[in-house]
Amino acid sequence: MKFKKAGWEAVNGTSLKGSVYTTYADLVEAFGEPEAGGDKTTVEWALRFEDGTIATIYDWKTYATPMGPYDWHIGGKSKMAEVRVTQALQQTALA
């Protein structure tokens, strides 16, 4: 499924919907470079998938960006956010 980076106004009101166990490098390969984090994150991705699903991917209270395997948080407005992020990572791994 195709996606593009979403503006921060699009992700306003999202909340934790799931997680994905992967590495920072795999996320960068699939979604490009992240944005700088906020108060409780070091990095974040804000995405809008072609079906309109909004998703965020972020670390939480780590205080240093995890580079090895980590349970990355997935935020969204529905559980579909977790599904779309997982699908995009799988497609990248198969490419």
Foldseek 3Di string as FASTA:
>chain_A
DDKAFDDPVLAPPKDFQFWDWFFPVLCCLLHNAFDADDDFWGTKTWMAGPVGWTKMWTDGNPVDHGGGTDTITIITPHNVRVVVVVVSSVVSVVD
